[in-house]
């Protein structure tokens, strides 16, 4: 597939370029600043990152050497833009492109998650069509582009991961999910506390209103 696996930065860059190519075609190819913003956006990304201009520029340069990114510029314009050549290099269908893009941007996911999150690139009719496209990535030649991970304890469905950055171990995914769960626990507890407080205030307001109305 490649002489060496892609880095996390290279995967994030390619995933963003593919996403924007299909979801905001009027603004594609992307400028460096637009690409940095796409890499660092907080929605539809896992894990969240804060890449600097230097990090993204180095990633782009590496991808150019791999011939997976092209530099383009409009006639008479000094603005340099970038477009991805990964889908062309790997001869991906639109269905395969959608799944691989979401995997690069959000990490290992179940078929149901992939189907829902890839809708803006390709709207899969059902899980069967999603599974067929994923299977094409799993058995791709000359090397697989994705793999099915072992089902994690306490989960009902297996997750899939892309292989552009090398193999992924289920234990690594489990550790990352546990870390995210722990990280989000304080915020969740605070939210639950705020909801409880708001409910109490609402109850008190209703009681005060009923008392006020009873005077007339």
C-alpha atoms as a PDB file:
ATOM      1  CA  UNK A   1       0.000   0.000   0.000  1.00  0.00           C
ATOM      2  CA  UNK A   2       2.579   2.550   1.190  1.00  0.00           C
ATOM      3  CA  UNK A   3       6.308   2.289   1.826  1.00  0.00           C
ATOM      4  CA  UNK A   4       5.573   3.206   5.448  1.00  0.00           C
ATOM      5  CA  UNK A   5       2.331   3.746   7.416  1.00  0.00           C
ATOM      6  CA  UNK A   6       0.812   7.204   7.482  1.00  0.00           C
ATOM      7  CA  UNK A   7       1.210   9.299  10.613  1.00  0.00           C
ATOM      8  CA  UNK A   8      -1.761  10.507  12.661  1.00  0.00           C
ATOM      9  CA  UNK A   9      -1.207  14.007  11.271  1.00  0.00           C
ATOM     10  CA  UNK A  10      -1.205  12.744   7.674  1.00  0.00           C
ATOM     11  CA  UNK A  11      -4.396  10.763   8.302  1.00  0.00           C
ATOM     12  CA  UNK A  12      -6.124  13.803   9.811  1.00  0.00           C
ATOM     13  CA  UNK A  13      -5.083  15.975   6.852  1.00  0.00           C
ATOM     14  CA  UNK A  14      -6.285  13.459   4.249  1.00  0.00           C
ATOM     15  CA  UNK A  15      -9.513  12.847   6.133  1.00  0.00           C
ATOM     16  CA  UNK A  16     -10.232  16.586   6.261  1.00  0.00           C
ATOM     17  CA  UNK A  17      -9.472  17.067   2.573  1.00  0.00           C
ATOM     18  CA  UNK A  18     -11.782  14.193   1.613  1.00  0.00           C
ATOM     19  CA  UNK A  19     -14.542  15.449   3.926  1.00  0.00           C
ATOM     20  CA  UNK A  20     -14.456  19.026   2.623  1.00  0.00           C
ATOM     21  CA  UNK A  21     -14.211  17.852  -0.989  1.00  0.00           C
ATOM     22  CA  UNK A  22     -17.629  16.237  -0.641  1.00  0.00           C
ATOM     23  CA  UNK A  23     -19.372  18.411   1.956  1.00  0.00           C
ATOM     24  CA  UNK A  24     -18.217  21.902   0.913  1.00  0.00           C
ATOM     25  CA  UNK A  25     -17.144  21.507  -2.726  1.00  0.00           C
ATOM     26  CA  UNK A  26     -17.378  25.269  -3.379  1.00  0.00           C
ATOM     27  CA  UNK A  27     -14.442  25.817  -1.002  1.00  0.00           C
ATOM     28  CA  UNK A  28     -12.327  22.892  -2.206  1.00  0.00           C
ATOM     29  CA  UNK A  29      -9.324  22.568  -2.732  1.00  0.00           C
ATOM     30  CA  UNK A  30      -8.417  24.004   0.678  1.00  0.00           C
ATOM     31  CA  UNK A  31      -5.985  26.743   1.603  1.00  0.00           C
ATOM     32  CA  UNK A  32      -3.508  26.029   4.391  1.00  0.00           C
ATOM     33  CA  UNK A  33      -5.516  28.113   6.868  1.00  0.00           C
ATOM     34  CA  UNK A  34      -8.758  26.352   5.943  1.00  0.00           C
ATOM     35  CA  UNK A  35      -7.064  22.988   6.332  1.00  0.00           C
ATOM     36  CA  UNK A  36      -5.682  23.895   9.759  1.00  0.00           C
ATOM     37  CA  UNK A  37      -9.172  24.929  10.853  1.00  0.00           C
ATOM     38  CA  UNK A  38     -10.609  21.665   9.508  1.00  0.00           C
ATOM     39  CA  UNK A  39      -8.031  19.602  11.381  1.00  0.00           C
ATOM     40  CA  UNK A  40      -8.648  21.464  14.640  1.00  0.00           C
ATOM     41  CA  UNK A  41     -12.439  21.709  14.518  1.00  0.00           C
ATOM     42  CA  UNK A  42     -14.130  20.263  17.595  1.00  0.00           C
ATOM     43  CA  UNK A  43     -17.088  18.586  15.854  1.00  0.00           C
ATOM     44  CA  UNK A  44     -16.820  15.255  14.015  1.00  0.00           C
ATOM     45  CA  UNK A  45     -13.242  14.693  15.185  1.00  0.00           C
ATOM     46  CA  UNK A  46     -11.631  12.197  17.543  1.00  0.00           C
ATOM     47  CA  UNK A  47      -9.313  12.759  19.164  1.00  0.00           C
ATOM     48  CA  UNK A  48      -9.501  16.572  19.188  1.00  0.00           C
ATOM     49  CA  UNK A  49      -6.224  18.233  18.197  1.00  0.00           C
ATOM     50  CA  UNK A  50      -4.658  21.693  18.068  1.00  0.00           C
ATOM     51  CA  UNK A  51      -2.236  21.428  15.173  1.00  0.00           C
ATOM     52  CA  UNK A  52      -0.012  24.421  14.489  1.00  0.00           C
ATOM     53  CA  UNK A  53       0.727  25.754  11.029  1.00  0.00           C
ATOM     54  CA  UNK A  54       4.147  24.094  11.169  1.00  0.00           C
ATOM     55  CA  UNK A  55       2.677  20.671  11.967  1.00  0.00           C
ATOM     56  CA  UNK A  56       0.134  20.807   9.128  1.00  0.00           C
ATOM     57  CA  UNK A  57       2.731  22.180   6.687  1.00  0.00           C
ATOM     58  CA  UNK A  58       5.137  19.351   7.508  1.00  0.00           C
ATOM     59  CA  UNK A  59       2.333  16.823   7.079  1.00  0.00           C
ATOM     60  CA  UNK A  60       1.406  18.272   3.709  1.00  0.00           C
ATOM     61  CA  UNK A  61       5.012  18.180   2.539  1.00  0.00           C
ATOM     62  CA  UNK A  62       5.282  14.520   3.499  1.00  0.00           C
ATOM     63  CA  UNK A  63       2.028  13.714   1.714  1.00  0.00           C
ATOM     64  CA  UNK A  64       3.250  15.530  -1.389  1.00  0.00           C
ATOM     65  CA  UNK A  65       6.324  13.298  -1.454  1.00  0.00           C
ATOM     66  CA  UNK A  66       3.995  10.294  -1.165  1.00  0.00           C
ATOM     67  CA  UNK A  67       1.974  11.793  -4.063  1.00  0.00           C
ATOM     68  CA  UNK A  68      -1.166  11.672  -1.936  1.00  0.00           C
ATOM     69  CA  UNK A  69      -1.651  15.459  -1.963  1.00  0.00           C
ATOM     70  CA  UNK A  70      -1.329  17.886  -4.847  1.00  0.00           C
ATOM     71  CA  UNK A  71      -0.610  21.588  -4.648  1.00  0.00           C
ATOM     72  CA  UNK A  72      -2.849  23.652  -6.929  1.00  0.00           C
ATOM     73  CA  UNK A  73      -3.236  27.363  -7.643  1.00  0.00           C
ATOM     74  CA  UNK A  74      -5.686  29.276  -9.785  1.00  0.00           C
ATOM     75  CA  UNK A  75      -4.430  31.259 -12.743  1.00  0.00           C
ATOM     76  CA  UNK A  76      -3.415  34.744 -11.623  1.00  0.00           C
ATOM     77  CA  UNK A  77      -3.741  33.870  -7.933  1.00  0.00           C
ATOM     78  CA  UNK A  78      -0.922  33.588  -5.427  1.00  0.00           C
ATOM     79  CA  UNK A  79      -3.053  31.566  -3.014  1.00  0.00           C
ATOM     80  CA  UNK A  80      -1.874  27.976  -2.794  1.00  0.00           C
ATOM     81  CA  UNK A  81      -4.452  25.261  -2.216  1.00  0.00           C
ATOM     82  CA  UNK A  82      -4.308  21.541  -1.587  1.00  0.00           C
ATOM     83  CA  UNK A  83      -6.287  18.566  -2.845  1.00  0.00           C
ATOM     84  CA  UNK A  84      -6.104  14.901  -1.914  1.00  0.00           C
ATOM     85  CA  UNK A  85      -5.154  12.070  -4.289  1.00  0.00           C
ATOM     86  CA  UNK A  86      -5.675   9.207  -1.826  1.00  0.00           C
ATOM     87  CA  UNK A  87      -8.996   8.044  -3.247  1.00  0.00           C
ATOM     88  CA  UNK A  88      -7.557   8.026  -6.750  1.00  0.00           C
ATOM     89  CA  UNK A  89      -4.372   6.264  -5.637  1.00  0.00           C
ATOM     90  CA  UNK A  90      -6.319   3.501  -3.862  1.00  0.00           C
ATOM     91  CA  UNK A  91      -9.081   3.311  -6.504  1.00  0.00           C
ATOM     92  CA  UNK A  92     -11.809   3.779  -3.913  1.00  0.00           C
ATOM     93  CA  UNK A  93     -15.514   3.827  -4.645  1.00  0.00           C
ATOM     94  CA  UNK A  94     -17.615   6.627  -3.121  1.00  0.00           C
ATOM     95  CA  UNK A  95     -18.950   4.198  -0.505  1.00  0.00           C
ATOM     96  CA  UNK A  96     -15.447   3.102   0.465  1.00  0.00           C
ATOM     97  CA  UNK A  97     -14.257   6.710   0.472  1.00  0.00           C
ATOM     98  CA  UNK A  98     -17.023   7.718   2.887  1.00  0.00           C
ATOM     99  CA  UNK A  99     -16.183   4.968   5.367  1.00  0.00           C
ATOM    100  CA  UNK A 100     -12.434   5.458   5.205  1.00  0.00           C
ATOM    101  CA  UNK A 101     -12.833   9.210   5.664  1.00  0.00           C
ATOM    102  CA  UNK A 102     -14.941   8.825   8.809  1.00  0.00           C
ATOM    103  CA  UNK A 103     -12.529   6.240  10.216  1.00  0.00           C
ATOM    104  CA  UNK A 104      -9.601   8.617   9.671  1.00  0.00           C
ATOM    105  CA  UNK A 105     -11.424  11.496  11.338  1.00  0.00           C
ATOM    106  CA  UNK A 106     -13.107   9.691  14.236  1.00  0.00           C
ATOM    107  CA  UNK A 107     -11.201   6.479  14.910  1.00  0.00           C
ATOM    108  CA  UNK A 108     -12.613   2.932  15.276  1.00  0.00           C
ATOM    109  CA  UNK A 109     -16.419   2.732  15.058  1.00  0.00           C
ATOM    110  CA  UNK A 110     -19.280   0.273  14.705  1.00  0.00           C
ATOM    111  CA  UNK A 111     -21.146  -0.190  11.435  1.00  0.00           C
ATOM    112  CA  UNK A 112     -24.100   1.739  12.816  1.00  0.00           C
ATOM    113  CA  UNK A 113     -21.920   4.674  13.794  1.00  0.00           C
ATOM    114  CA  UNK A 114     -20.182   4.628  10.427  1.00  0.00           C
ATOM    115  CA  UNK A 115     -23.448   4.607   8.537  1.00  0.00           C
ATOM    116  CA  UNK A 116     -24.798   7.607  10.432  1.00  0.00           C
ATOM    117  CA  UNK A 117     -21.595   9.636  10.359  1.00  0.00           C
ATOM    118  CA  UNK A 118     -20.790   9.120   6.680  1.00  0.00           C
ATOM    119  CA  UNK A 119     -24.176  10.325   5.448  1.00  0.00           C
ATOM    120  CA  UNK A 120     -22.912  13.687   4.184  1.00  0.00           C
ATOM    121  CA  UNK A 121     -20.499  11.942   1.834  1.00  0.00           C
ATOM    122  CA  UNK A 122     -22.603   8.906   0.927  1.00  0.00           C
ATOM    123  CA  UNK A 123     -26.073   8.051   2.331  1.00  0.00           C
ATOM    124  CA  UNK A 124     -26.033   4.288   2.868  1.00  0.00           C
ATOM    125  CA  UNK A 125     -29.458   2.730   2.402  1.00  0.00           C
ATOM    126  CA  UNK A 126     -29.031   0.297   5.297  1.00  0.00           C
ATOM    127  CA  UNK A 127     -26.503  -1.580   7.408  1.00  0.00           C
ATOM    128  CA  UNK A 128     -26.207  -4.291   4.766  1.00  0.00           C
ATOM    129  CA  UNK A 129     -24.882  -1.807   2.219  1.00  0.00           C
ATOM    130  CA  UNK A 130     -22.572  -0.319   4.853  1.00  0.00           C
ATOM    131  CA  UNK A 131     -21.233  -3.761   5.716  1.00  0.00           C
ATOM    132  CA  UNK A 132     -20.656  -4.613   2.041  1.00  0.00           C
ATOM    133  CA  UNK A 133     -18.586  -1.467   1.526  1.00  0.00           C
ATOM    134  CA  UNK A 134     -16.633  -2.131   4.717  1.00  0.00           C
ATOM    135  CA  UNK A 135     -15.958  -5.691   3.649  1.00  0.00           C
ATOM    136  CA  UNK A 136     -14.501  -4.363   0.402  1.00  0.00           C
ATOM    137  CA  UNK A 137     -12.003  -2.357   2.474  1.00  0.00           C
ATOM    138  CA  UNK A 138     -11.222  -5.365   4.673  1.00  0.00           C
ATOM    139  CA  UNK A 139     -10.395  -7.660   1.725  1.00  0.00           C
ATOM    140  CA  UNK A 140      -8.813  -4.994  -0.497  1.00  0.00           C
ATOM    141  CA  UNK A 141      -5.824  -6.018  -2.613  1.00  0.00           C
ATOM    142  CA  UNK A 142      -2.863  -5.929  -2.521  1.00  0.00           C
ATOM    143  CA  UNK A 143      -3.329  -5.036   1.174  1.00  0.00           C
ATOM    144  CA  UNK A 144      -6.397  -4.583   3.409  1.00  0.00           C
ATOM    145  CA  UNK A 145      -7.399  -0.994   4.110  1.00  0.00           C
ATOM    146  CA  UNK A 146      -9.485  -1.756   7.206  1.00  0.00           C
ATOM    147  CA  UNK A 147      -9.919  -4.437   9.828  1.00  0.00           C
ATOM    148  CA  UNK A 148     -12.590  -5.702  12.198  1.00  0.00           C
ATOM    149  CA  UNK A 149     -11.521  -5.410  15.820  1.00  0.00           C
ATOM    150  CA  UNK A 150     -12.262  -7.929  18.528  1.00  0.00           C
ATOM    151  CA  UNK A 151     -15.478  -7.062  20.340  1.00  0.00           C
ATOM    152  CA  UNK A 152     -14.753  -5.200  23.546  1.00  0.00           C
ATOM    153  CA  UNK A 153     -16.087  -6.537  26.877  1.00  0.00           C
ATOM    154  CA  UNK A 154     -19.502  -5.110  27.660  1.00  0.00           C
ATOM    155  CA  UNK A 155     -20.245  -4.108  24.065  1.00  0.00           C
ATOM    156  CA  UNK A 156     -22.699  -5.674  21.620  1.00  0.00           C
ATOM    157  CA  UNK A 157     -21.006  -4.750  18.346  1.00  0.00           C
ATOM    158  CA  UNK A 158     -17.496  -4.930  16.969  1.00  0.00           C
ATOM    159  CA  UNK A 159     -15.698  -1.841  15.766  1.00  0.00           C
ATOM    160  CA  UNK A 160     -13.755  -1.353  12.550  1.00  0.00           C
ATOM    161  CA  UNK A 161     -10.520   0.571  12.090  1.00  0.00           C
ATOM    162  CA  UNK A 162      -8.564   1.754   9.067  1.00  0.00           C
ATOM    163  CA  UNK A 163      -5.064   0.383   8.452  1.00  0.00           C
ATOM    164  CA  UNK A 164      -3.476   3.394   6.742  1.00  0.00           C
ATOM    165  CA  UNK A 165      -1.486   4.125   9.904  1.00  0.00           C
ATOM    166  CA  UNK A 166      -0.794   0.460  10.710  1.00  0.00           C
ATOM    167  CA  UNK A 167      -2.647  -2.186  12.693  1.00  0.00           C
ATOM    168  CA  UNK A 168      -4.876  -1.266  15.597  1.00  0.00           C
ATOM    169  CA  UNK A 169      -5.245  -3.390  18.721  1.00  0.00           C
ATOM    170  CA  UNK A 170      -8.611  -3.711  20.437  1.00  0.00           C
ATOM    171  CA  UNK A 171      -6.913  -3.164  23.806  1.00  0.00           C
ATOM    172  CA  UNK A 172      -5.637   0.221  22.618  1.00  0.00           C
ATOM    173  CA  UNK A 173      -9.147   1.234  21.595  1.00  0.00           C
ATOM    174  CA  UNK A 174     -10.544   0.074  24.948  1.00  0.00           C
ATOM    175  CA  UNK A 175      -7.947   2.124  26.829  1.00  0.00           C
ATOM    176  CA  UNK A 176      -8.739   5.218  24.762  1.00  0.00           C
ATOM    177  CA  UNK A 177     -12.477   4.822  25.332  1.00  0.00           C
ATOM    178  CA  UNK A 178     -11.954   4.402  29.080  1.00  0.00           C
ATOM    179  CA  UNK A 179      -9.755   7.501  29.185  1.00  0.00           C
ATOM    180  CA  UNK A 180     -12.408   9.495  27.337  1.00  0.00           C
ATOM    181  CA  UNK A 181     -15.078   8.206  29.713  1.00  0.00           C
ATOM    182  CA  UNK A 182     -13.072   9.269  32.762  1.00  0.00           C
ATOM    183  CA  UNK A 183     -12.312  12.643  31.176  1.00  0.00           C
ATOM    184  CA  UNK A 184     -16.013  13.289  30.509  1.00  0.00           C
ATOM    185  CA  UNK A 185     -17.271  12.097  33.916  1.00  0.00           C
ATOM    186  CA  UNK A 186     -16.777  15.415  35.784  1.00  0.00           C
ATOM    187  CA  UNK A 187     -18.510  17.373  33.039  1.00  0.00           C
ATOM    188  CA  UNK A 188     -21.397  14.894  33.005  1.00  0.00           C
ATOM    189  CA  UNK A 189     -21.750  15.037  36.778  1.00  0.00           C
ATOM    190  CA  UNK A 190     -21.817  18.843  36.661  1.00  0.00           C
ATOM    191  CA  UNK A 191     -24.473  18.793  33.942  1.00  0.00           C
ATOM    192  CA  UNK A 192     -26.632  16.381  35.928  1.00  0.00           C
ATOM    193  CA  UNK A 193     -26.273  18.600  38.986  1.00  0.00           C
ATOM    194  CA  UNK A 194     -27.312  21.676  37.012  1.00  0.00           C
ATOM    195  CA  UNK A 195     -30.355  19.869  35.586  1.00  0.00           C
ATOM    196  CA  UNK A 196     -31.381  18.762  39.085  1.00  0.00           C
ATOM    197  CA  UNK A 197     -31.004  22.317  40.364  1.00  0.00           C
ATOM    198  CA  UNK A 198     -33.086  23.710  37.498  1.00  0.00           C
ATOM    199  CA  UNK A 199     -35.837  21.186  38.174  1.00  0.00           C
ATOM    200  CA  UNK A 200     -35.945  22.205  41.838  1.00  0.00           C
ATOM    201  CA  UNK A 201     -36.151  25.876  40.883  1.00  0.00           C
ATOM    202  CA  UNK A 202     -38.958  25.110  38.450  1.00  0.00           C
ATOM    203  CA  UNK A 203     -40.873  23.234  41.144  1.00  0.00           C
ATOM    204  CA  UNK A 204     -40.452  26.170  43.543  1.00  0.00           C
ATOM    205  CA  UNK A 205     -41.614  28.636  40.882  1.00  0.00           C
ATOM    206  CA  UNK A 206     -44.707  26.553  40.177  1.00  0.00           C
ATOM    207  CA  UNK A 207     -45.531  26.389  43.880  1.00  0.00           C
ATOM    208  CA  UNK A 208     -45.061  30.143  44.260  1.00  0.00           C
ATOM    209  CA  UNK A 209     -47.265  30.775  41.221  1.00  0.00           C
ATOM    210  CA  UNK A 210     -50.033  28.552  42.554  1.00  0.00           C
ATOM    211  CA  UNK A 211     -49.858  30.360  45.918  1.00  0.00           C
ATOM    212  CA  UNK A 212     -50.025  33.730  44.148  1.00  0.00           C
ATOM    213  CA  UNK A 213     -52.941  32.658  41.958  1.00  0.00           C
ATOM    214  CA  UNK A 214     -54.821  31.389  45.013  1.00  0.00           C
ATOM    215  CA  UNK A 215     -54.983  34.917  46.402  1.00  0.00           C
ATOM    216  CA  UNK A 216     -57.263  36.067  43.552  1.00  0.00           C
END
